[in-house]
C-alpha cells in the first residue's frame, strides 16, 4: 500500500509519496469548477478600457486638427464646434487648479492660528505625572505624556 501525504493551502497543493516524486500544483481561486480557463474579467475590462481610450484620443485629435474640407470629403458633416476642442481641456485644467486651491484654503481655515494655545494643548494632551517614582524598579519607563512647552523652550533656547 502506498503512503500518500498531501499538504493543502489556499494557493497550492503539495503531494508527497514514497514511490513517486513530489508534485506541486497551483490552484487559482478564480478558476471555475467546470475547468474554464479563459481570460479574467479584470483583464478583459482593462483591455477594452485601453482600446477605448486610444480610439477616443485618435477621434479627438482628428476632430481637433484635421481641416473641415478633409472631413467633408470623407463624408463627415456633423461634429461639434472647434471651440470645444480648446474649451473642454482648459475648463478641466482650471477645475483641477481651483479644486486644489479650494482644498488648501479649507485646510488653512480649519487650522488654528500660530498664536493660539490649541496648537500647543488640545483635548488629547497628556500632562506628565507630577509624582516621581519611588524606586527605579517600580517604573523603569516613564508613562506616555506630552513634553511641556517650558521644557522644550529650555532645551532649545538655553
N, C-alpha and C. Protein backbone atom coordinates (compact mmCIF):
# COMPACT_ATOMS: atom_id res chain seq x y z
N UNK A 1 0.85 -1.17 0.00
CA UNK A 1 0.00 0.00 0.00
C UNK A 1 0.89 1.23 0.00
N UNK A 2 0.52 2.20 -0.76
CA UNK A 2 1.31 3.41 -0.92
C UNK A 2 0.87 4.44 0.12
N UNK A 3 1.87 4.98 0.87
CA UNK A 3 1.57 6.02 1.84
C UNK A 3 1.64 7.37 1.12
N UNK A 4 0.56 8.07 1.13
CA UNK A 4 0.48 9.36 0.43
C UNK A 4 0.18 10.45 1.44
N UNK A 5 0.93 11.49 1.35
CA UNK A 5 0.74 12.64 2.22
C UNK A 5 0.49 13.86 1.32
N UNK A 6 -0.44 14.69 1.69
CA UNK A 6 -0.65 15.91 0.92
C UNK A 6 -0.86 17.07 1.88
N UNK A 7 -0.36 18.20 1.46
CA UNK A 7 -0.50 19.43 2.22
C UNK A 7 -1.31 20.38 1.37
N UNK A 8 -2.40 20.88 1.90
CA UNK A 8 -3.26 21.78 1.16
C UNK A 8 -3.14 23.19 1.73
N UNK A 9 -3.01 24.15 0.87
CA UNK A 9 -3.07 25.55 1.25
C UNK A 9 -3.99 26.23 0.25
N UNK A 10 -4.37 27.46 0.48
CA UNK A 10 -5.28 28.11 -0.46
C UNK A 10 -4.68 28.29 -1.85
N UNK A 11 -3.37 28.31 -2.01
CA UNK A 11 -2.77 28.59 -3.30
C UNK A 11 -2.13 27.39 -3.98
N UNK A 12 -1.73 26.37 -3.25
CA UNK A 12 -1.07 25.24 -3.90
C UNK A 12 -1.34 23.95 -3.13
N UNK A 13 -1.17 22.86 -3.82
CA UNK A 13 -1.33 21.53 -3.22
C UNK A 13 -0.03 20.78 -3.45
N UNK A 14 0.55 20.28 -2.37
CA UNK A 14 1.81 19.54 -2.45
C UNK A 14 1.52 18.09 -2.06
N UNK A 15 1.80 17.17 -2.97
CA UNK A 15 1.59 15.75 -2.69
C UNK A 15 2.94 15.05 -2.63
N UNK A 16 3.15 14.27 -1.59
CA UNK A 16 4.40 13.54 -1.43
C UNK A 16 4.06 12.06 -1.27
N UNK A 17 4.74 11.23 -2.01
CA UNK A 17 4.53 9.80 -1.93
C UNK A 17 5.89 9.13 -1.86
N UNK A 18 5.98 7.93 -1.26
CA UNK A 18 7.26 7.23 -1.16
C UNK A 18 7.68 6.68 -2.51
N UNK A 19 6.74 6.31 -3.36
CA UNK A 19 7.08 5.69 -4.64
C UNK A 19 7.17 6.70 -5.78
N UNK A 20 6.55 7.87 -5.61
CA UNK A 20 6.59 8.88 -6.67
C UNK A 20 7.34 10.12 -6.18
N UNK A 21 7.69 10.93 -7.15
CA UNK A 21 8.33 12.19 -6.80
C UNK A 21 7.27 13.16 -6.28
N UNK A 22 7.71 14.18 -5.58
CA UNK A 22 6.79 15.20 -5.07
C UNK A 22 6.27 16.03 -6.23
N UNK A 23 4.99 16.29 -6.21
CA UNK A 23 4.39 17.11 -7.26
C UNK A 23 3.73 18.32 -6.61
N UNK A 24 3.83 19.45 -7.29
CA UNK A 24 3.22 20.68 -6.81
C UNK A 24 2.27 21.17 -7.88
N UNK A 25 1.04 21.44 -7.51
CA UNK A 25 0.09 22.01 -8.45
C UNK A 25 -0.49 23.28 -7.84
N UNK A 26 -0.56 24.32 -8.65
CA UNK A 26 -1.08 25.60 -8.19
C UNK A 26 -2.55 25.70 -8.58
N UNK A 27 -3.36 26.07 -7.62
CA UNK A 27 -4.79 26.21 -7.85
C UNK A 27 -5.13 27.68 -7.77
N UNK A 28 -5.70 28.23 -8.83
CA UNK A 28 -6.09 29.63 -8.84
C UNK A 28 -7.50 29.76 -8.28
N UNK A 29 -7.72 30.73 -7.44
CA UNK A 29 -9.02 30.88 -6.81
C UNK A 29 -10.09 31.35 -7.78
N UNK A 30 -9.68 31.93 -8.94
CA UNK A 30 -10.65 32.41 -9.92
C UNK A 30 -11.12 31.32 -10.87
N UNK A 31 -10.48 30.15 -10.86
CA UNK A 31 -10.87 29.08 -11.78
C UNK A 31 -12.24 28.54 -11.38
N UNK A 32 -13.03 28.25 -12.38
CA UNK A 32 -14.36 27.70 -12.15
C UNK A 32 -14.26 26.17 -12.00
N UNK A 33 -15.29 25.60 -11.43
CA UNK A 33 -15.30 24.15 -11.25
C UNK A 33 -15.43 23.44 -12.59
N UNK A 34 -15.94 24.14 -13.61
CA UNK A 34 -16.13 23.49 -14.91
C UNK A 34 -14.82 23.35 -15.67
N UNK A 35 -13.75 23.97 -15.20
CA UNK A 35 -12.46 23.85 -15.87
C UNK A 35 -12.25 24.92 -16.93
N UNK A 36 -13.05 25.97 -16.95
CA UNK A 36 -12.89 27.04 -17.92
C UNK A 36 -11.65 27.85 -17.57
N UNK A 37 -10.75 28.00 -18.54
CA UNK A 37 -9.51 28.72 -18.30
C UNK A 37 -9.38 29.92 -19.23
N UNK A 38 -10.42 30.71 -19.34
CA UNK A 38 -10.40 31.88 -20.21
C UNK A 38 -9.81 33.09 -19.49
N UNK A 39 -9.86 34.24 -20.13
CA UNK A 39 -9.32 35.45 -19.51
C UNK A 39 -10.18 35.88 -18.32
N UNK A 40 -9.54 36.52 -17.38
CA UNK A 40 -10.25 37.01 -16.20
C UNK A 40 -11.01 38.28 -16.58
N UNK A 41 -12.11 38.56 -15.90
CA UNK A 41 -12.88 39.77 -16.23
C UNK A 41 -12.07 41.05 -16.09
N UNK A 42 -11.18 41.11 -15.10
CA UNK A 42 -10.40 42.33 -14.94
C UNK A 42 -9.46 42.56 -16.12
N UNK A 43 -8.95 41.48 -16.70
CA UNK A 43 -8.10 41.63 -17.89
C UNK A 43 -8.91 42.11 -19.08
N UNK A 44 -10.12 41.59 -19.22
CA UNK A 44 -10.98 42.00 -20.34
C UNK A 44 -11.35 43.47 -20.19
N UNK A 45 -11.75 43.88 -18.99
CA UNK A 45 -12.12 45.28 -18.78
C UNK A 45 -10.93 46.20 -19.01
N UNK A 46 -9.76 45.79 -18.59
CA UNK A 46 -8.56 46.61 -18.82
C UNK A 46 -8.24 46.74 -20.30
N UNK A 47 -8.36 45.65 -21.03
CA UNK A 47 -8.10 45.68 -22.47
C UNK A 47 -9.11 46.57 -23.18
N UNK A 48 -10.38 46.39 -22.88
CA UNK A 48 -11.42 47.19 -23.53
C UNK A 48 -11.26 48.67 -23.16
N UNK A 49 -10.92 48.94 -21.92
CA UNK A 49 -10.70 50.32 -21.49
C UNK A 49 -9.53 50.98 -22.20
N UNK A 50 -8.44 50.24 -22.36
CA UNK A 50 -7.27 50.82 -23.04
C UNK A 50 -7.55 51.06 -24.52
N UNK A 51 -8.23 50.12 -25.18
CA UNK A 51 -8.58 50.29 -26.59
C UNK A 51 -9.54 51.48 -26.75
N UNK A 52 -10.53 51.59 -25.87
CA UNK A 52 -11.47 52.70 -25.93
C UNK A 52 -10.78 54.03 -25.74
N UNK A 53 -9.82 54.09 -24.84
CA UNK A 53 -9.08 55.33 -24.61
C UNK A 53 -8.27 55.72 -25.84
N UNK A 54 -7.62 54.77 -26.46
CA UNK A 54 -6.83 55.07 -27.66
C UNK A 54 -7.74 55.53 -28.80
N UNK A 55 -8.86 54.86 -29.01
CA UNK A 55 -9.78 55.24 -30.09
C UNK A 55 -10.36 56.63 -29.84
N UNK A 56 -10.76 56.92 -28.60
CA UNK A 56 -11.31 58.24 -28.28
C UNK A 56 -10.26 59.33 -28.46
N UNK A 57 -9.01 59.07 -28.11
CA UNK A 57 -7.95 60.06 -28.30
C UNK A 57 -7.71 60.32 -29.78
N UNK A 58 -7.69 59.28 -30.59
CA UNK A 58 -7.50 59.45 -32.03
C UNK A 58 -8.66 60.24 -32.63
N UNK A 59 -9.89 59.93 -32.26
CA UNK A 59 -11.05 60.67 -32.78
C UNK A 59 -10.98 62.14 -32.36
N UNK A 60 -10.60 62.40 -31.11
CA UNK A 60 -10.48 63.78 -30.65
C UNK A 60 -9.41 64.53 -31.44
N UNK A 61 -8.25 63.91 -31.64
CA UNK A 61 -7.16 64.59 -32.37
C UNK A 61 -7.53 64.82 -33.84
N UNK A 62 -8.22 63.86 -34.47
CA UNK A 62 -8.67 64.05 -35.85
C UNK A 62 -9.67 65.20 -35.91
N UNK A 63 -10.61 65.24 -35.01
CA UNK A 63 -11.62 66.31 -34.98
C UNK A 63 -10.97 67.67 -34.72
N UNK A 64 -9.94 67.71 -33.86
CA UNK A 64 -9.36 68.99 -33.48
C UNK A 64 -8.39 69.53 -34.53
N UNK A 65 -7.67 68.67 -35.26
CA UNK A 65 -6.58 69.15 -36.11
C UNK A 65 -6.80 68.99 -37.61
N UNK A 66 -7.69 68.13 -38.04
CA UNK A 66 -7.89 67.93 -39.48
C UNK A 66 -8.79 69.06 -40.00
N UNK A 67 -8.43 69.67 -41.13
CA UNK A 67 -9.26 70.76 -41.68
C UNK A 67 -10.68 70.28 -42.04
N UNK A 68 -11.60 71.23 -42.02
CA UNK A 68 -13.00 70.89 -42.28
C UNK A 68 -13.21 70.34 -43.68
N UNK A 69 -12.44 70.84 -44.64
CA UNK A 69 -12.60 70.34 -46.02
C UNK A 69 -12.26 68.86 -46.11
N UNK A 70 -11.30 68.38 -45.36
CA UNK A 70 -10.95 66.96 -45.36
C UNK A 70 -12.08 66.14 -44.73
N UNK A 71 -12.63 66.66 -43.64
CA UNK A 71 -13.74 65.94 -43.00
C UNK A 71 -14.95 65.88 -43.93
N UNK A 72 -15.23 66.97 -44.66
CA UNK A 72 -16.35 66.96 -45.60
C UNK A 72 -16.08 65.99 -46.76
N UNK A 73 -14.81 65.88 -47.18
CA UNK A 73 -14.50 64.99 -48.30
C UNK A 73 -14.68 63.51 -47.95
N UNK A 74 -14.55 63.15 -46.67
CA UNK A 74 -14.76 61.74 -46.30
C UNK A 74 -16.17 61.50 -45.78
N UNK A 75 -17.03 62.52 -45.87
CA UNK A 75 -18.44 62.33 -45.54
C UNK A 75 -18.83 62.67 -44.12
N UNK A 76 -17.99 63.37 -43.38
CA UNK A 76 -18.33 63.76 -42.01
C UNK A 76 -18.75 65.22 -42.05
N UNK A 77 -20.05 65.46 -41.78
CA UNK A 77 -20.57 66.82 -41.83
C UNK A 77 -21.03 67.31 -40.46
N UNK A 78 -21.35 66.41 -39.56
CA UNK A 78 -21.86 66.82 -38.25
C UNK A 78 -20.80 66.52 -37.19
N UNK A 79 -20.32 67.56 -36.56
CA UNK A 79 -19.36 67.44 -35.46
C UNK A 79 -19.45 68.71 -34.63
N UNK A 80 -19.03 68.68 -33.38
CA UNK A 80 -19.12 69.87 -32.53
C UNK A 80 -18.18 70.97 -33.03
N UNK A 81 -18.42 72.15 -32.53
CA UNK A 81 -17.60 73.30 -32.89
C UNK A 81 -16.15 73.09 -32.42
N UNK A 82 -15.22 73.68 -33.15
CA UNK A 82 -13.80 73.55 -32.78
C UNK A 82 -13.49 74.30 -31.47
N UNK A 83 -14.36 75.18 -31.09
CA UNK A 83 -14.20 75.90 -29.82
C UNK A 83 -14.07 74.92 -28.67
N UNK A 84 -14.83 73.84 -28.70
CA UNK A 84 -14.83 72.87 -27.61
C UNK A 84 -13.55 72.05 -27.56
N UNK A 85 -12.78 72.01 -28.65
CA UNK A 85 -11.50 71.28 -28.64
C UNK A 85 -10.51 71.96 -27.71
N UNK A 86 -10.64 73.28 -27.56
CA UNK A 86 -9.79 74.01 -26.62
C UNK A 86 -10.48 74.26 -25.30
N UNK A 87 -11.80 74.45 -25.33
CA UNK A 87 -12.52 74.83 -24.12
C UNK A 87 -12.59 73.70 -23.11
N UNK A 88 -12.88 72.49 -23.54
CA UNK A 88 -13.04 71.37 -22.59
C UNK A 88 -11.74 71.08 -21.84
N UNK A 89 -10.57 70.94 -22.50
CA UNK A 89 -9.35 70.75 -21.71
C UNK A 89 -9.00 71.94 -20.82
N UNK A 90 -9.28 73.15 -21.30
CA UNK A 90 -8.99 74.33 -20.47
C UNK A 90 -9.90 74.36 -19.24
N UNK A 91 -11.18 74.06 -19.43
CA UNK A 91 -12.10 74.01 -18.29
C UNK A 91 -11.70 72.90 -17.32
N UNK A 92 -11.28 71.77 -17.83
CA UNK A 92 -10.88 70.66 -16.96
C UNK A 92 -9.64 71.03 -16.14
N UNK A 93 -8.66 71.66 -16.80
CA UNK A 93 -7.45 72.06 -16.04
C UNK A 93 -7.77 73.11 -14.99
N UNK A 94 -8.62 74.08 -15.33
CA UNK A 94 -8.97 75.12 -14.35
C UNK A 94 -9.79 74.53 -13.20
N UNK A 95 -10.62 73.54 -13.49
CA UNK A 95 -11.37 72.89 -12.43
C UNK A 95 -10.43 72.19 -11.44
N UNK A 96 -9.41 71.52 -11.95
CA UNK A 96 -8.44 70.86 -11.08
C UNK A 96 -7.66 71.89 -10.26
N UNK A 97 -7.23 72.97 -10.90
CA UNK A 97 -6.46 74.00 -10.18
C UNK A 97 -7.32 74.65 -9.10
N UNK A 98 -8.58 74.99 -9.42
CA UNK A 98 -9.45 75.60 -8.43
C UNK A 98 -9.80 74.62 -7.31
N UNK A 99 -9.95 73.34 -7.62
CA UNK A 99 -10.23 72.36 -6.57
C UNK A 99 -9.05 72.25 -5.60
N UNK A 100 -7.82 72.25 -6.14
CA UNK A 100 -6.65 72.21 -5.26
C UNK A 100 -6.55 73.47 -4.41
N UNK A 101 -6.82 74.63 -5.01
CA UNK A 101 -6.81 75.88 -4.25
C UNK A 101 -7.87 75.89 -3.17
N UNK A 102 -9.06 75.40 -3.49
CA UNK A 102 -10.14 75.31 -2.52
C UNK A 102 -9.77 74.37 -1.37
N UNK A 103 -9.14 73.25 -1.69
CA UNK A 103 -8.71 72.29 -0.67
C UNK A 103 -7.67 72.92 0.28
N UNK A 104 -6.69 73.63 -0.30
CA UNK A 104 -5.68 74.30 0.55
C UNK A 104 -6.33 75.38 1.41
N UNK A 105 -7.28 76.12 0.84
CA UNK A 105 -7.97 77.15 1.61
C UNK A 105 -8.76 76.58 2.77
N UNK A 106 -9.45 75.46 2.54
CA UNK A 106 -10.18 74.81 3.64
C UNK A 106 -9.23 74.35 4.75
N UNK A 107 -8.05 73.84 4.37
CA UNK A 107 -7.09 73.42 5.39
C UNK A 107 -6.58 74.62 6.18
N UNK A 108 -6.32 75.74 5.51
CA UNK A 108 -5.88 76.94 6.23
C UNK A 108 -6.98 77.47 7.15
N UNK A 109 -8.23 77.38 6.72
CA UNK A 109 -9.32 77.88 7.55
C UNK A 109 -9.56 76.99 8.77
N UNK A 110 -9.33 75.69 8.64
CA UNK A 110 -9.58 74.79 9.77
C UNK A 110 -8.40 74.67 10.73
N UNK A 111 -7.24 75.22 10.37
CA UNK A 111 -6.07 75.18 11.24
C UNK A 111 -6.08 76.40 12.15
N UNK A 112 -5.85 76.21 13.46
CA UNK A 112 -5.81 77.38 14.35
C UNK A 112 -4.60 78.25 14.05
N UNK A 113 -4.68 79.54 14.36
CA UNK A 113 -3.54 80.42 14.10
C UNK A 113 -2.35 80.06 14.98
N UNK A 114 -1.15 80.47 14.58
CA UNK A 114 0.04 80.10 15.36
C UNK A 114 0.04 80.66 16.78
N UNK A 115 -0.67 81.75 17.04
CA UNK A 115 -0.68 82.33 18.38
C UNK A 115 -1.69 81.64 19.30
N UNK A 116 -2.46 80.71 18.80
CA UNK A 116 -3.48 80.03 19.60
C UNK A 116 -2.85 78.97 20.50
N UNK A 117 -3.43 78.81 21.69
CA UNK A 117 -2.95 77.76 22.59
C UNK A 117 -3.37 76.37 22.11
N UNK A 118 -4.33 76.30 21.17
CA UNK A 118 -4.74 74.99 20.64
C UNK A 118 -3.65 74.34 19.80
N UNK A 119 -2.64 75.11 19.39
CA UNK A 119 -1.51 74.50 18.69
C UNK A 119 -0.57 73.80 19.65
N UNK A 120 -0.68 74.13 20.94
CA UNK A 120 0.18 73.52 21.96
C UNK A 120 -0.59 72.46 22.75
N UNK A 121 -1.80 72.79 23.20
CA UNK A 121 -2.62 71.88 24.01
C UNK A 121 -3.97 71.68 23.33
N UNK A 122 -4.46 70.47 23.37
CA UNK A 122 -5.81 70.18 22.91
C UNK A 122 -6.43 69.15 23.83
N UNK A 123 -7.59 68.61 23.45
CA UNK A 123 -8.28 67.67 24.33
C UNK A 123 -7.56 66.32 24.46
N UNK A 124 -6.58 66.06 23.60
CA UNK A 124 -5.85 64.79 23.66
C UNK A 124 -4.49 64.94 24.36
N UNK A 125 -4.15 66.10 24.85
CA UNK A 125 -2.85 66.33 25.50
C UNK A 125 -2.80 65.59 26.83
N UNK A 126 -1.62 65.10 27.15
CA UNK A 126 -1.41 64.40 28.43
C UNK A 126 -0.30 65.12 29.18
N UNK A 127 -0.62 65.55 30.37
CA UNK A 127 0.39 66.19 31.21
C UNK A 127 1.24 65.11 31.87
N UNK A 128 2.54 65.38 32.02
CA UNK A 128 3.36 64.39 32.73
C UNK A 128 2.93 64.30 34.20
N UNK A 129 3.10 63.11 34.76
CA UNK A 129 2.72 62.91 36.16
C UNK A 129 3.62 63.73 37.06
N UNK A 130 3.00 64.41 38.02
CA UNK A 130 3.79 65.26 38.91
C UNK A 130 4.52 64.43 39.97
N UNK A 131 4.00 63.26 40.30
CA UNK A 131 4.66 62.43 41.31
C UNK A 131 5.78 61.63 40.65
N UNK A 132 6.93 61.65 41.25
CA UNK A 132 8.07 60.90 40.73
C UNK A 132 8.01 59.48 41.28
N UNK A 133 8.53 58.52 40.54
CA UNK A 133 8.51 57.14 41.03
C UNK A 133 9.38 56.99 42.28
N UNK A 134 8.96 56.06 43.13
CA UNK A 134 9.67 55.84 44.39
C UNK A 134 11.02 55.19 44.14
N UNK A 135 11.05 54.18 43.32
CA UNK A 135 12.29 53.49 43.03
C UNK A 135 12.42 53.22 41.55
N UNK A 136 13.62 52.83 41.14
CA UNK A 136 13.83 52.55 39.72
C UNK A 136 13.12 51.28 39.29
N UNK A 137 12.89 50.36 40.24
CA UNK A 137 12.25 49.09 39.89
C UNK A 137 10.75 49.23 39.69
N UNK A 138 10.14 50.24 40.34
CA UNK A 138 8.69 50.39 40.24
C UNK A 138 8.26 50.80 38.84
N UNK A 139 8.92 51.81 38.28
CA UNK A 139 8.57 52.30 36.95
C UNK A 139 9.85 52.58 36.18
N UNK A 140 10.38 51.58 35.45
CA UNK A 140 11.62 51.81 34.72
C UNK A 140 11.42 52.75 33.52
N UNK A 141 10.20 52.79 32.97
CA UNK A 141 9.91 53.65 31.82
C UNK A 141 8.82 54.63 32.24
N UNK A 142 9.04 55.90 31.95
CA UNK A 142 8.04 56.91 32.30
C UNK A 142 6.78 56.69 31.46
N UNK A 143 5.62 56.98 32.03
CA UNK A 143 4.39 56.84 31.25
C UNK A 143 4.36 57.84 30.09
N UNK A 144 3.58 57.52 29.07
CA UNK A 144 3.50 58.37 27.89
C UNK A 144 2.83 59.69 28.26
N UNK A 145 3.46 60.78 27.85
CA UNK A 145 2.89 62.11 28.08
C UNK A 145 3.51 63.08 27.09
N UNK A 146 2.88 64.24 26.97
CA UNK A 146 3.41 65.29 26.10
C UNK A 146 4.50 66.05 26.84
N UNK A 147 5.46 66.52 26.09
CA UNK A 147 6.53 67.34 26.68
C UNK A 147 6.00 68.76 26.78
N UNK A 148 6.16 69.37 27.93
CA UNK A 148 5.62 70.71 28.12
C UNK A 148 6.42 71.72 27.29
N UNK A 149 5.76 72.82 26.96
CA UNK A 149 6.41 73.85 26.15
C UNK A 149 7.55 74.52 26.90
N UNK A 150 7.46 74.58 28.23
CA UNK A 150 8.56 75.17 29.02
C UNK A 150 9.82 74.33 28.89
N UNK A 151 9.66 73.02 28.96
CA UNK A 151 10.82 72.13 28.85
C UNK A 151 11.45 72.19 27.45
N UNK A 152 10.61 72.29 26.41
CA UNK A 152 11.14 72.42 25.06
C UNK A 152 11.89 73.73 24.89
N UNK A 153 11.31 74.82 25.42
CA UNK A 153 12.00 76.11 25.32
C UNK A 153 13.32 76.12 26.06
N UNK A 154 13.36 75.49 27.24
CA UNK A 154 14.64 75.40 27.98
C UNK A 154 15.68 74.59 27.20
N UNK A 155 15.23 73.51 26.52
CA UNK A 155 16.18 72.69 25.76
C UNK A 155 16.70 73.40 24.52
N UNK A 156 15.84 74.13 23.86
CA UNK A 156 16.23 74.75 22.61
C UNK A 156 16.90 76.11 22.77
N UNK A 157 16.46 76.89 23.74
CA UNK A 157 16.92 78.27 23.86
C UNK A 157 17.63 78.52 25.17
N UNK A 158 18.65 77.74 25.48
CA UNK A 158 19.44 77.94 26.70
C UNK A 158 20.19 79.23 26.64
